[in-house]
């Protein structure tokens, strides 16, 4: 009986050790270039933002992995217009906590260096952010106080979800990644509005 218990303990330790060896945690952060898209949105300007968070990479088979994590990320859009000598800029800056779940295929190109192709869904929830209006006329300009974008009777709904894809490289413990997220959920609080997020990003990271 004691030998059986010892065997079970050893087997459980072996399973935990193997699982831990396949799970890699790290940190990632970088630059966002975001905008809205929808039925009546034709603006092509990108708003610059950022993202940062904890990344997790689970290698479940040779050359294949599940990539996830939890990231603080800024999205939104910037619109510009003018009428005569008066010009204005509206910046919408929603901030989210975002959880992606991507399938990744990793191709080794040299020892310690792998190219990574990944794609999958994401979910996000708005945790803050404001919209600002800046109006200029000649040499003078005025800027309105920021207005919250999330909340009851506000501009945007907090829940967002969509699809993402990207390509990156692993240099031993260092990571570089470029990708694009396309929102599939209408985040407008207006009954007649159709607004969705889209965001391109560049990330760098480090695996512990």
N, C-alpha and C. Protein backbone atom coordinates (compact mmCIF):
# COMPACT_ATOMS: atom_id res chain seq x y z
N UNK A 1 0.83 -1.22 0.00
CA UNK A 1 0.00 0.00 0.00
C UNK A 1 0.87 1.27 0.00
N UNK A 2 1.94 1.22 0.83
CA UNK A 2 2.85 2.37 0.88
C UNK A 2 3.52 2.58 -0.46
N UNK A 3 3.90 1.47 -1.14
CA UNK A 3 4.54 1.58 -2.46
C UNK A 3 3.58 2.18 -3.48
N UNK A 4 2.28 1.82 -3.37
CA UNK A 4 1.28 2.37 -4.28
C UNK A 4 1.12 3.86 -4.08
N UNK A 5 1.05 4.28 -2.80
CA UNK A 5 0.93 5.71 -2.51
C UNK A 5 2.16 6.47 -3.02
N UNK A 6 3.34 5.90 -2.78
CA UNK A 6 4.56 6.54 -3.24
C UNK A 6 4.58 6.66 -4.76
N UNK A 7 4.10 5.61 -5.44
CA UNK A 7 4.05 5.64 -6.91
C UNK A 7 3.10 6.72 -7.39
N UNK A 8 1.95 6.87 -6.72
CA UNK A 8 0.98 7.90 -7.11
C UNK A 8 1.55 9.30 -6.91
N UNK A 9 2.24 9.51 -5.80
CA UNK A 9 2.85 10.81 -5.53
C UNK A 9 3.90 11.14 -6.59
N UNK A 10 4.75 10.16 -6.90
CA UNK A 10 5.78 10.36 -7.92
C UNK A 10 5.15 10.67 -9.27
N UNK A 11 4.07 9.95 -9.62
CA UNK A 11 3.40 10.18 -10.90
C UNK A 11 2.79 11.57 -10.95
N UNK A 12 2.17 12.02 -9.85
CA UNK A 12 1.57 13.36 -9.81
C UNK A 12 2.64 14.43 -9.93
N UNK A 13 3.78 14.24 -9.25
CA UNK A 13 4.87 15.19 -9.35
C UNK A 13 5.41 15.26 -10.77
N UNK A 14 5.49 14.10 -11.43
CA UNK A 14 5.97 14.08 -12.81
C UNK A 14 5.04 14.82 -13.74
N UNK A 15 3.70 14.65 -13.53
CA UNK A 15 2.71 15.35 -14.36
C UNK A 15 2.79 16.85 -14.16
N UNK A 16 2.88 17.28 -12.88
CA UNK A 16 2.97 18.71 -12.58
C UNK A 16 4.24 19.31 -13.16
N UNK A 17 5.35 18.58 -13.04
CA UNK A 17 6.62 19.06 -13.58
C UNK A 17 6.56 19.20 -15.09
N UNK A 18 5.94 18.20 -15.77
CA UNK A 18 5.83 18.25 -17.23
C UNK A 18 4.95 19.41 -17.66
N UNK A 19 3.82 19.61 -16.95
CA UNK A 19 2.92 20.72 -17.30
C UNK A 19 3.61 22.05 -17.10
N UNK A 20 4.37 22.17 -15.98
CA UNK A 20 5.06 23.43 -15.72
C UNK A 20 6.11 23.72 -16.78
N UNK A 21 6.76 22.65 -17.27
CA UNK A 21 7.79 22.85 -18.28
C UNK A 21 7.21 23.35 -19.58
N UNK A 22 5.93 23.06 -19.84
CA UNK A 22 5.30 23.47 -21.08
C UNK A 22 4.66 24.84 -21.00
N UNK A 23 4.47 25.36 -19.80
CA UNK A 23 3.82 26.66 -19.61
C UNK A 23 4.88 27.73 -19.36
N UNK A 24 4.89 28.74 -20.22
CA UNK A 24 5.84 29.84 -20.09
C UNK A 24 5.08 31.14 -19.82
N UNK A 25 5.49 31.86 -18.80
CA UNK A 25 4.92 33.16 -18.50
C UNK A 25 5.90 34.25 -18.91
N UNK A 26 5.37 35.40 -19.22
CA UNK A 26 6.23 36.51 -19.61
C UNK A 26 5.50 37.83 -19.54
N UNK A 27 6.19 38.88 -19.92
CA UNK A 27 5.59 40.21 -19.99
C UNK A 27 5.71 40.71 -21.42
N UNK A 28 4.68 41.46 -21.86
CA UNK A 28 4.68 42.03 -23.20
C UNK A 28 4.12 43.44 -23.14
N UNK A 29 4.59 44.27 -24.01
CA UNK A 29 4.07 45.62 -24.11
C UNK A 29 4.48 46.24 -25.43
N UNK A 30 3.82 47.33 -25.78
CA UNK A 30 4.18 47.96 -27.04
C UNK A 30 3.21 49.05 -27.46
N UNK A 31 3.21 49.33 -28.74
CA UNK A 31 2.48 50.46 -29.32
C UNK A 31 1.23 49.96 -30.05
N UNK A 32 0.12 50.69 -29.88
CA UNK A 32 -1.12 50.45 -30.61
C UNK A 32 -1.36 51.54 -31.65
N UNK A 33 -2.00 51.16 -32.75
CA UNK A 33 -2.48 52.12 -33.75
C UNK A 33 -3.93 51.73 -34.04
N UNK A 34 -4.87 52.48 -33.48
CA UNK A 34 -6.26 52.07 -33.46
C UNK A 34 -7.18 53.03 -34.19
N UNK A 35 -8.39 52.53 -34.48
CA UNK A 35 -9.42 53.31 -35.13
C UNK A 35 -10.75 52.60 -34.92
N UNK A 36 -11.83 53.28 -35.24
CA UNK A 36 -13.15 52.67 -35.29
C UNK A 36 -13.50 52.36 -36.74
N UNK A 37 -14.39 51.39 -36.94
CA UNK A 37 -14.97 51.18 -38.26
C UNK A 37 -16.44 50.85 -38.08
N UNK A 38 -17.22 51.11 -39.13
CA UNK A 38 -18.66 50.88 -39.08
C UNK A 38 -19.32 51.38 -40.34
N UNK A 39 -20.65 51.33 -40.36
CA UNK A 39 -21.41 51.67 -41.57
C UNK A 39 -21.15 53.09 -42.04
N UNK A 40 -21.04 54.03 -41.12
CA UNK A 40 -20.93 55.44 -41.50
C UNK A 40 -19.61 56.06 -41.08
N UNK A 41 -18.60 55.23 -40.74
CA UNK A 41 -17.32 55.74 -40.29
C UNK A 41 -16.29 55.56 -41.40
N UNK A 42 -15.81 56.66 -41.93
CA UNK A 42 -14.87 56.60 -43.05
C UNK A 42 -13.52 57.20 -42.69
N UNK A 43 -13.35 57.63 -41.45
CA UNK A 43 -12.09 58.25 -41.05
C UNK A 43 -10.94 57.24 -41.14
N UNK A 44 -9.79 57.67 -41.69
CA UNK A 44 -8.64 56.79 -41.87
C UNK A 44 -7.49 57.11 -40.92
N UNK A 45 -7.63 58.12 -40.06
CA UNK A 45 -6.55 58.47 -39.15
C UNK A 45 -6.42 57.41 -38.05
N UNK A 46 -5.18 57.12 -37.64
CA UNK A 46 -4.93 56.18 -36.57
C UNK A 46 -4.60 56.93 -35.28
N UNK A 47 -5.14 56.45 -34.17
CA UNK A 47 -4.81 57.01 -32.86
C UNK A 47 -3.71 56.15 -32.24
N UNK A 48 -2.66 56.78 -31.75
CA UNK A 48 -1.55 56.06 -31.15
C UNK A 48 -1.86 55.78 -29.68
N UNK A 49 -1.64 54.55 -29.26
CA UNK A 49 -1.85 54.16 -27.87
C UNK A 49 -0.80 53.15 -27.44
N UNK A 50 -1.13 52.34 -26.44
CA UNK A 50 -0.16 51.37 -25.93
C UNK A 50 -0.88 50.17 -25.32
N UNK A 51 -0.13 49.13 -25.06
CA UNK A 51 -0.63 47.96 -24.33
C UNK A 51 0.50 47.39 -23.49
N UNK A 52 0.13 46.75 -22.37
CA UNK A 52 1.11 46.13 -21.50
C UNK A 52 0.40 45.06 -20.67
N UNK A 53 1.10 43.96 -20.37
CA UNK A 53 0.45 42.94 -19.57
C UNK A 53 1.25 41.68 -19.42
N UNK A 54 0.60 40.69 -18.83
CA UNK A 54 1.19 39.38 -18.57
C UNK A 54 0.78 38.42 -19.67
N UNK A 55 1.75 37.73 -20.26
CA UNK A 55 1.50 36.78 -21.34
C UNK A 55 1.75 35.35 -20.85
N UNK A 56 0.97 34.41 -21.38
CA UNK A 56 1.14 32.99 -21.07
C UNK A 56 1.17 32.20 -22.36
N UNK A 57 2.09 31.26 -22.45
CA UNK A 57 2.31 30.47 -23.66
C UNK A 57 2.38 29.00 -23.26
N UNK A 58 1.41 28.19 -23.74
CA UNK A 58 1.36 26.77 -23.37
C UNK A 58 1.66 25.93 -24.61
N UNK A 59 2.82 25.28 -24.63
CA UNK A 59 3.21 24.40 -25.73
C UNK A 59 2.60 23.03 -25.51
N UNK A 60 1.55 22.69 -26.26
CA UNK A 60 0.87 21.41 -26.06
C UNK A 60 1.31 20.34 -27.06
N UNK A 61 2.10 20.69 -28.07
CA UNK A 61 2.60 19.74 -29.06
C UNK A 61 3.81 20.38 -29.74
N UNK A 62 4.67 19.58 -30.38
CA UNK A 62 5.79 20.16 -31.10
C UNK A 62 5.32 21.20 -32.12
N UNK A 63 5.88 22.39 -32.05
CA UNK A 63 5.60 23.50 -32.97
C UNK A 63 4.22 24.12 -32.79
N UNK A 64 3.43 23.71 -31.78
CA UNK A 64 2.08 24.26 -31.59
C UNK A 64 1.89 24.69 -30.14
N UNK A 65 1.14 25.79 -29.95
CA UNK A 65 0.94 26.33 -28.61
C UNK A 65 -0.37 27.11 -28.55
N UNK A 66 -0.84 27.33 -27.33
CA UNK A 66 -1.93 28.25 -27.06
C UNK A 66 -1.35 29.47 -26.38
N UNK A 67 -1.62 30.64 -26.93
CA UNK A 67 -1.11 31.89 -26.37
C UNK A 67 -2.27 32.70 -25.79
N UNK A 68 -2.10 33.14 -24.56
CA UNK A 68 -3.12 33.96 -23.92
C UNK A 68 -2.43 34.95 -22.99
N UNK A 69 -3.19 35.59 -22.14
CA UNK A 69 -2.64 36.57 -21.21
C UNK A 69 -3.71 37.58 -20.84
N UNK A 70 -3.33 38.55 -20.07
CA UNK A 70 -4.24 39.63 -19.67
C UNK A 70 -3.49 40.95 -19.87
N UNK A 71 -4.10 41.84 -20.68
CA UNK A 71 -3.42 43.05 -21.09
C UNK A 71 -4.28 44.28 -20.83
N UNK A 72 -3.62 45.34 -20.39
CA UNK A 72 -4.24 46.66 -20.35
C UNK A 72 -3.91 47.33 -21.68
N UNK A 73 -4.95 47.75 -22.41
CA UNK A 73 -4.73 48.26 -23.75
C UNK A 73 -5.63 49.46 -24.02
N UNK A 74 -5.10 50.43 -24.77
CA UNK A 74 -5.88 51.59 -25.17
C UNK A 74 -6.24 51.47 -26.65
N UNK A 75 -7.48 51.81 -26.97
CA UNK A 75 -7.93 51.78 -28.36
C UNK A 75 -8.57 53.13 -28.69
N UNK A 76 -9.55 53.15 -29.60
CA UNK A 76 -10.24 54.40 -29.89
C UNK A 76 -9.90 54.97 -31.25
N UNK A 77 -10.15 56.27 -31.41
CA UNK A 77 -9.98 56.92 -32.71
C UNK A 77 -9.77 58.41 -32.52
N UNK A 78 -9.27 59.04 -33.59
CA UNK A 78 -9.10 60.48 -33.60
C UNK A 78 -9.67 61.03 -34.90
N UNK A 79 -10.56 62.03 -34.80
CA UNK A 79 -11.22 62.61 -35.96
C UNK A 79 -10.86 64.08 -36.07
N UNK A 80 -10.60 64.53 -37.29
CA UNK A 80 -10.25 65.93 -37.53
C UNK A 80 -11.16 66.51 -38.60
N UNK A 81 -11.48 67.79 -38.46
CA UNK A 81 -12.30 68.47 -39.46
C UNK A 81 -12.10 69.97 -39.38
N UNK A 82 -12.56 70.68 -40.40
CA UNK A 82 -12.41 72.14 -40.41
C UNK A 82 -13.57 72.77 -41.15
N UNK A 83 -13.86 74.00 -40.77
CA UNK A 83 -14.88 74.81 -41.43
C UNK A 83 -14.35 76.24 -41.48
N UNK A 84 -13.92 76.68 -42.65
CA UNK A 84 -13.31 77.99 -42.78
C UNK A 84 -11.99 78.03 -42.03
N UNK A 85 -11.85 78.98 -41.12
CA UNK A 85 -10.62 79.11 -40.34
C UNK A 85 -10.66 78.32 -39.04
N UNK A 86 -11.77 77.66 -38.78
CA UNK A 86 -11.93 76.90 -37.54
C UNK A 86 -11.70 75.42 -37.81
N UNK A 87 -10.85 74.79 -37.00
CA UNK A 87 -10.60 73.36 -37.12
C UNK A 87 -10.78 72.70 -35.77
N UNK A 88 -11.10 71.42 -35.81
CA UNK A 88 -11.34 70.71 -34.56
C UNK A 88 -10.84 69.28 -34.61
N UNK A 89 -10.44 68.77 -33.45
CA UNK A 89 -10.01 67.38 -33.29
C UNK A 89 -10.81 66.75 -32.16
N UNK A 90 -11.36 65.57 -32.42
CA UNK A 90 -12.04 64.80 -31.39
C UNK A 90 -11.25 63.52 -31.18
N UNK A 91 -10.82 63.27 -29.94
CA UNK A 91 -10.08 62.06 -29.61
C UNK A 91 -10.91 61.23 -28.64
N UNK A 92 -11.14 59.97 -29.01
CA UNK A 92 -11.87 59.02 -28.16
C UNK A 92 -10.86 57.98 -27.68
N UNK A 93 -10.69 57.87 -26.36
CA UNK A 93 -9.60 57.06 -25.81
C UNK A 93 -10.13 56.02 -24.81
N UNK A 94 -10.82 54.97 -25.28
CA UNK A 94 -11.27 53.93 -24.36
C UNK A 94 -10.11 53.03 -23.94
N UNK A 95 -10.15 52.57 -22.69
CA UNK A 95 -9.11 51.69 -22.14
C UNK A 95 -9.76 50.38 -21.71
N UNK A 96 -9.11 49.28 -22.06
CA UNK A 96 -9.69 47.95 -21.84
C UNK A 96 -8.73 47.04 -21.09
N UNK A 97 -9.30 46.04 -20.42
CA UNK A 97 -8.58 44.83 -20.04
C UNK A 97 -8.94 43.77 -21.08
N UNK A 98 -7.95 43.21 -21.73
CA UNK A 98 -8.20 42.31 -22.87
C UNK A 98 -7.57 40.95 -22.65
N UNK A 99 -8.34 39.90 -22.99
CA UNK A 99 -7.89 38.51 -22.86
C UNK A 99 -7.94 37.83 -24.23
N UNK A 100 -6.81 37.61 -24.89
CA UNK A 100 -6.81 36.87 -26.15
C UNK A 100 -6.59 35.38 -25.91
N UNK A 101 -7.08 34.55 -26.82
CA UNK A 101 -6.79 33.11 -26.81
C UNK A 101 -6.45 32.73 -28.25
N UNK A 102 -5.16 32.60 -28.54
CA UNK A 102 -4.70 32.36 -29.90
C UNK A 102 -4.06 30.98 -30.04
N UNK A 103 -4.33 30.33 -31.15
CA UNK A 103 -3.57 29.14 -31.55
C UNK A 103 -2.31 29.61 -32.28
N UNK A 104 -1.17 29.05 -31.91
CA UNK A 104 0.11 29.48 -32.50
C UNK A 104 0.84 28.30 -33.12
N UNK A 105 1.41 28.55 -34.28
CA UNK A 105 2.30 27.58 -34.94
C UNK A 105 3.69 28.18 -34.97
N UNK A 106 4.67 27.42 -34.46
CA UNK A 106 6.03 27.92 -34.33
C UNK A 106 6.98 27.13 -35.24
N UNK A 107 7.71 27.85 -36.06
CA UNK A 107 8.65 27.22 -37.00
C UNK A 107 10.08 27.64 -36.63
N UNK A 108 10.90 26.67 -36.28
CA UNK A 108 12.28 26.97 -35.94
C UNK A 108 13.08 27.28 -37.20
N UNK A 109 13.81 28.39 -37.19
CA UNK A 109 14.62 28.78 -38.34
C UNK A 109 16.11 28.61 -38.05
N UNK A 110 16.52 28.85 -36.81
CA UNK A 110 17.87 28.56 -36.34
C UNK A 110 17.74 28.11 -34.89
N UNK A 111 18.74 27.44 -34.33
CA UNK A 111 18.65 27.06 -32.92
C UNK A 111 18.37 28.26 -32.02
N UNK A 112 17.29 28.20 -31.27
CA UNK A 112 16.90 29.28 -30.38
C UNK A 112 16.07 30.37 -31.00
N UNK A 113 15.82 30.31 -32.31
CA UNK A 113 15.01 31.32 -32.99
C UNK A 113 13.85 30.66 -33.71
N UNK A 114 12.63 31.13 -33.43
CA UNK A 114 11.43 30.57 -34.06
C UNK A 114 10.53 31.69 -34.58
N UNK A 115 9.96 31.46 -35.75
CA UNK A 115 8.92 32.33 -36.29
C UNK A 115 7.58 31.81 -35.79
N UNK A 116 6.71 32.72 -35.33
CA UNK A 116 5.44 32.33 -34.72
C UNK A 116 4.28 32.96 -35.49
N UNK A 117 3.37 32.12 -35.98
CA UNK A 117 2.13 32.57 -36.60
C UNK A 117 0.99 32.26 -35.64
N UNK A 118 0.12 33.24 -35.37
CA UNK A 118 -0.93 33.00 -34.37
C UNK A 118 -2.22 33.72 -34.76
N UNK A 119 -3.34 33.15 -34.33
CA UNK A 119 -4.66 33.73 -34.60
C UNK A 119 -5.67 33.16 -33.63
N UNK A 120 -6.73 33.95 -33.35
CA UNK A 120 -7.78 33.48 -32.47
C UNK A 120 -8.65 34.61 -31.96
N UNK A 121 -9.59 34.31 -31.08
CA UNK A 121 -10.52 35.33 -30.57
C UNK A 121 -9.94 36.10 -29.39
N UNK A 122 -10.61 37.19 -29.06
CA UNK A 122 -10.31 37.93 -27.84
C UNK A 122 -11.61 38.45 -27.24
N UNK A 123 -11.59 38.68 -25.94
CA UNK A 123 -12.66 39.39 -25.25
C UNK A 123 -12.02 40.54 -24.46
N UNK A 124 -12.75 41.64 -24.33
CA UNK A 124 -12.21 42.80 -23.63
C UNK A 124 -13.35 43.51 -22.89
N UNK A 125 -12.97 44.21 -21.82
CA UNK A 125 -13.96 44.98 -21.06
C UNK A 125 -13.38 46.36 -20.74
N UNK A 126 -14.18 47.38 -21.04
CA UNK A 126 -13.75 48.75 -20.83
C UNK A 126 -13.66 49.11 -19.36
N UNK A 127 -12.53 49.67 -18.95
CA UNK A 127 -12.32 50.02 -17.54
C UNK A 127 -12.12 51.51 -17.34
N UNK A 128 -12.16 52.29 -18.42
CA UNK A 128 -11.99 53.73 -18.28
C UNK A 128 -11.73 54.38 -19.62
N UNK A 129 -11.42 55.66 -19.57
CA UNK A 129 -11.12 56.40 -20.79
C UNK A 129 -12.05 57.58 -20.98
N UNK A 130 -11.55 58.59 -21.71
CA UNK A 130 -12.31 59.80 -21.93
C UNK A 130 -12.22 60.25 -23.38
N UNK A 131 -13.15 61.08 -23.77
CA UNK A 131 -13.12 61.72 -25.08
C UNK A 131 -12.86 63.21 -24.88
N UNK A 132 -12.07 63.79 -25.80
CA UNK A 132 -11.73 65.21 -25.69
C UNK A 132 -11.94 65.91 -27.02
N UNK A 133 -12.33 67.18 -26.94
CA UNK A 133 -12.54 68.02 -28.12
C UNK A 133 -11.60 69.20 -28.05
N UNK A 134 -10.84 69.42 -29.12
CA UNK A 134 -9.94 70.56 -29.22
C UNK A 134 -10.32 71.37 -30.44
N UNK A 135 -10.59 72.66 -30.26
CA UNK A 135 -10.99 73.56 -31.35
C UNK A 135 -9.95 74.65 -31.50
N UNK A 136 -9.53 74.89 -32.75
CA UNK A 136 -8.52 75.93 -33.02
C UNK A 136 -9.05 76.92 -34.05
N UNK A 137 -8.71 78.17 -33.84
CA UNK A 137 -9.06 79.23 -34.79
C UNK A 137 -7.92 80.22 -34.83
N UNK A 138 -7.21 80.25 -35.94
CA UNK A 138 -6.04 81.12 -36.03
C UNK A 138 -4.96 80.65 -35.07
N UNK A 139 -4.49 81.55 -34.23
CA UNK A 139 -3.43 81.23 -33.27
C UNK A 139 -3.96 80.79 -31.91
N UNK A 140 -5.27 80.81 -31.73
CA UNK A 140 -5.86 80.43 -30.44
C UNK A 140 -6.51 79.06 -30.53
N UNK A 141 -6.57 78.39 -29.39
CA UNK A 141 -7.20 77.06 -29.34
C UNK A 141 -7.79 76.83 -27.96
N UNK A 142 -8.84 76.04 -27.91
CA UNK A 142 -9.48 75.67 -26.65
C UNK A 142 -9.67 74.17 -26.62
N UNK A 143 -9.59 73.60 -25.43
CA UNK A 143 -9.74 72.16 -25.27
C UNK A 143 -10.75 71.87 -24.18
N UNK A 144 -11.73 71.03 -24.48
CA UNK A 144 -12.77 70.73 -23.51
C UNK A 144 -12.27 69.74 -22.47
N UNK A 145 -12.89 69.77 -21.30
CA UNK A 145 -12.55 68.80 -20.26
C UNK A 145 -12.99 67.41 -20.71
N UNK A 146 -12.19 66.39 -20.39
CA UNK A 146 -12.49 65.04 -20.84
C UNK A 146 -13.82 64.52 -20.31
N UNK A 147 -14.53 63.78 -21.16
CA UNK A 147 -15.81 63.18 -20.80
C UNK A 147 -15.65 61.67 -20.84
N UNK A 148 -16.11 60.97 -19.80
CA UNK A 148 -16.01 59.51 -19.74
C UNK A 148 -16.72 58.87 -20.93
N UNK A 149 -16.10 57.83 -21.50
CA UNK A 149 -16.69 57.17 -22.66
C UNK A 149 -17.56 55.98 -22.28
N UNK A 150 -17.35 55.41 -21.07
CA UNK A 150 -18.14 54.26 -20.61
C UNK A 150 -19.07 54.67 -19.48
N UNK A 151 -20.21 54.01 -19.42
CA UNK A 151 -21.18 54.27 -18.36
C UNK A 151 -22.56 54.48 -18.91
N UNK A 152 -23.52 54.62 -18.01
CA UNK A 152 -24.91 54.81 -18.43
C UNK A 152 -25.06 56.12 -19.21
N UNK A 153 -25.71 56.02 -20.36
CA UNK A 153 -25.95 57.17 -21.25
C UNK A 153 -24.65 57.77 -21.80
N UNK A 154 -23.58 56.99 -21.82
CA UNK A 154 -22.32 57.45 -22.38
C UNK A 154 -22.16 56.96 -23.81
N UNK A 155 -21.03 57.28 -24.40
CA UNK A 155 -20.80 57.01 -25.82
C UNK A 155 -20.69 55.52 -26.16
N UNK A 156 -19.98 54.74 -25.32
CA UNK A 156 -19.63 53.36 -25.68
C UNK A 156 -20.09 52.36 -24.64
N UNK A 157 -20.38 51.15 -25.11
CA UNK A 157 -20.61 50.00 -24.24
C UNK A 157 -19.26 49.41 -23.84
N UNK A 158 -19.14 48.89 -22.62
CA UNK A 158 -17.82 48.41 -22.18
C UNK A 158 -17.38 47.08 -22.78
N UNK A 159 -18.32 46.20 -23.16
CA UNK A 159 -17.93 44.87 -23.63
C UNK A 159 -17.52 44.90 -25.09
N UNK A 160 -16.42 44.22 -25.39
CA UNK A 160 -15.94 44.09 -26.76
C UNK A 160 -15.41 42.68 -26.97
N UNK A 161 -15.49 42.19 -28.19
CA UNK A 161 -14.96 40.88 -28.56
C UNK A 161 -14.68 40.88 -30.05
N UNK A 162 -13.73 40.04 -30.46
CA UNK A 162 -13.40 40.00 -31.88
C UNK A 162 -12.37 38.94 -32.18
N UNK A 163 -11.70 39.11 -33.29
CA UNK A 163 -10.69 38.17 -33.76
C UNK A 163 -9.36 38.89 -33.95
N UNK A 164 -8.28 38.16 -33.75
CA UNK A 164 -6.95 38.73 -33.94
C UNK A 164 -6.04 37.77 -34.66
N UNK A 165 -5.02 38.31 -35.30
CA UNK A 165 -3.99 37.50 -35.94
C UNK A 165 -2.68 38.26 -35.91
N UNK A 166 -1.58 37.50 -36.04
CA UNK A 166 -0.29 38.16 -35.99
C UNK A 166 0.83 37.22 -36.36
N UNK A 167 2.01 37.77 -36.42
CA UNK A 167 3.23 37.01 -36.67
C UNK A 167 4.33 37.62 -35.81
N UNK A 168 5.15 36.75 -35.26
CA UNK A 168 6.20 37.23 -34.39
C UNK A 168 7.43 36.36 -34.48
N UNK A 169 8.38 36.63 -33.60
CA UNK A 169 9.61 35.86 -33.54
C UNK A 169 10.04 35.72 -32.09
N UNK A 170 10.58 34.54 -31.78
CA UNK A 170 11.14 34.27 -30.47
C UNK A 170 12.65 34.12 -30.61
N UNK A 171 13.39 34.95 -29.88
CA UNK A 171 14.84 34.87 -29.85
C UNK A 171 15.23 34.42 -28.45
N UNK A 172 15.24 33.11 -28.23
CA UNK A 172 15.44 32.56 -26.89
C UNK A 172 14.31 33.07 -25.99
N UNK A 173 14.61 33.92 -25.02
CA UNK A 173 13.57 34.42 -24.11
C UNK A 173 12.95 35.75 -24.56
N UNK A 174 13.48 36.34 -25.60
CA UNK A 174 12.97 37.63 -26.06
C UNK A 174 11.96 37.45 -27.19
N UNK A 175 10.94 38.32 -27.23
CA UNK A 175 9.84 38.20 -28.18
C UNK A 175 9.66 39.50 -28.94
N UNK A 176 9.27 39.38 -30.19
CA UNK A 176 8.83 40.52 -31.01
C UNK A 176 7.58 40.06 -31.75
N UNK A 177 6.55 40.91 -31.80
CA UNK A 177 5.28 40.48 -32.37
C UNK A 177 4.57 41.66 -33.03
N UNK A 178 3.99 41.44 -34.20
CA UNK A 178 3.11 42.42 -34.83
C UNK A 178 1.77 41.74 -35.11
N UNK A 179 0.67 42.48 -34.98
CA UNK A 179 -0.63 41.86 -35.18
C UNK A 179 -1.73 42.87 -35.38
N UNK A 180 -2.92 42.33 -35.52
CA UNK A 180 -4.10 43.15 -35.79
C UNK A 180 -5.31 42.51 -35.14
N UNK A 181 -6.10 43.31 -34.42
CA UNK A 181 -7.37 42.87 -33.81
C UNK A 181 -8.53 43.56 -34.50
N UNK A 182 -9.56 42.80 -34.85
CA UNK A 182 -10.76 43.35 -35.46
C UNK A 182 -11.96 43.04 -34.56
N UNK A 183 -12.58 44.10 -34.03
CA UNK A 183 -13.76 43.92 -33.20
C UNK A 183 -14.97 43.48 -34.00
N UNK A 184 -15.75 42.59 -33.42
CA UNK A 184 -16.98 42.09 -34.07
C UNK A 184 -18.24 42.52 -33.34
N UNK A 185 -18.09 43.27 -32.26
CA UNK A 185 -19.22 43.69 -31.43
C UNK A 185 -19.46 45.19 -31.62
N UNK A 186 -20.71 45.57 -31.82
CA UNK A 186 -21.07 46.98 -31.90
C UNK A 186 -20.96 47.59 -30.50
N UNK A 187 -20.02 48.52 -30.31
CA UNK A 187 -19.79 49.09 -28.99
C UNK A 187 -20.49 50.43 -28.81
N UNK A 188 -21.24 50.88 -29.80
CA UNK A 188 -21.94 52.16 -29.69
C UNK A 188 -23.16 52.03 -28.79
N UNK A 189 -23.35 53.03 -27.92
CA UNK A 189 -24.55 53.07 -27.07
C UNK A 189 -25.75 53.66 -27.80
N UNK A 190 -25.53 54.20 -28.99
CA UNK A 190 -26.62 54.76 -29.77
C UNK A 190 -27.39 53.64 -30.47
N UNK A 191 -28.73 53.73 -30.46
CA UNK A 191 -29.54 52.68 -31.09
C UNK A 191 -29.36 52.66 -32.60
N UNK A 192 -28.90 53.78 -33.18
CA UNK A 192 -28.71 53.85 -34.63
C UNK A 192 -27.24 53.77 -35.03
N UNK A 193 -26.35 53.65 -34.05
CA UNK A 193 -24.93 53.64 -34.35
C UNK A 193 -24.39 52.25 -34.58
N UNK A 194 -23.31 52.16 -35.34
CA UNK A 194 -22.62 50.89 -35.56
C UNK A 194 -21.12 51.18 -35.52
N UNK A 195 -20.51 50.97 -34.37
CA UNK A 195 -19.11 51.30 -34.14
C UNK A 195 -18.39 50.06 -33.63
N UNK A 196 -17.27 49.72 -34.27
CA UNK A 196 -16.46 48.58 -33.83
C UNK A 196 -15.00 49.00 -33.75
N UNK A 197 -14.26 48.32 -32.87
CA UNK A 197 -12.84 48.60 -32.71
C UNK A 197 -12.01 47.88 -33.77
N UNK A 198 -10.91 48.50 -34.17
CA UNK A 198 -9.86 47.81 -34.90
C UNK A 198 -8.53 48.38 -34.43
N UNK A 199 -7.53 47.50 -34.35
CA UNK A 199 -6.28 47.91 -33.72
C UNK A 199 -5.11 47.10 -34.26
N UNK A 200 -4.07 47.79 -34.73
CA UNK A 200 -2.80 47.16 -35.10
C UNK A 200 -1.80 47.43 -33.98
N UNK A 201 -0.88 46.49 -33.76
CA UNK A 201 0.04 46.65 -32.65
C UNK A 201 1.42 46.09 -32.96
N UNK A 202 2.40 46.62 -32.23
CA UNK A 202 3.77 46.13 -32.23
C UNK A 202 4.15 45.88 -30.78
N UNK A 203 4.58 44.63 -30.48
CA UNK A 203 4.91 44.24 -29.12
C UNK A 203 6.35 43.75 -29.01
N UNK A 204 6.91 43.96 -27.84
CA UNK A 204 8.16 43.30 -27.46
C UNK A 204 7.90 42.65 -26.10
N UNK A 205 8.62 41.57 -25.82
CA UNK A 205 8.37 40.88 -24.58
C UNK A 205 9.56 40.06 -24.11
N UNK A 206 9.38 39.45 -22.94
CA UNK A 206 10.42 38.62 -22.33
C UNK A 206 9.74 37.48 -21.61
N UNK A 207 10.21 36.24 -21.84
CA UNK A 207 9.70 35.05 -21.17
C UNK A 207 10.55 34.74 -19.94
N UNK A 208 9.87 34.49 -18.82
CA UNK A 208 10.60 34.18 -17.58
C UNK A 208 11.20 32.78 -17.64
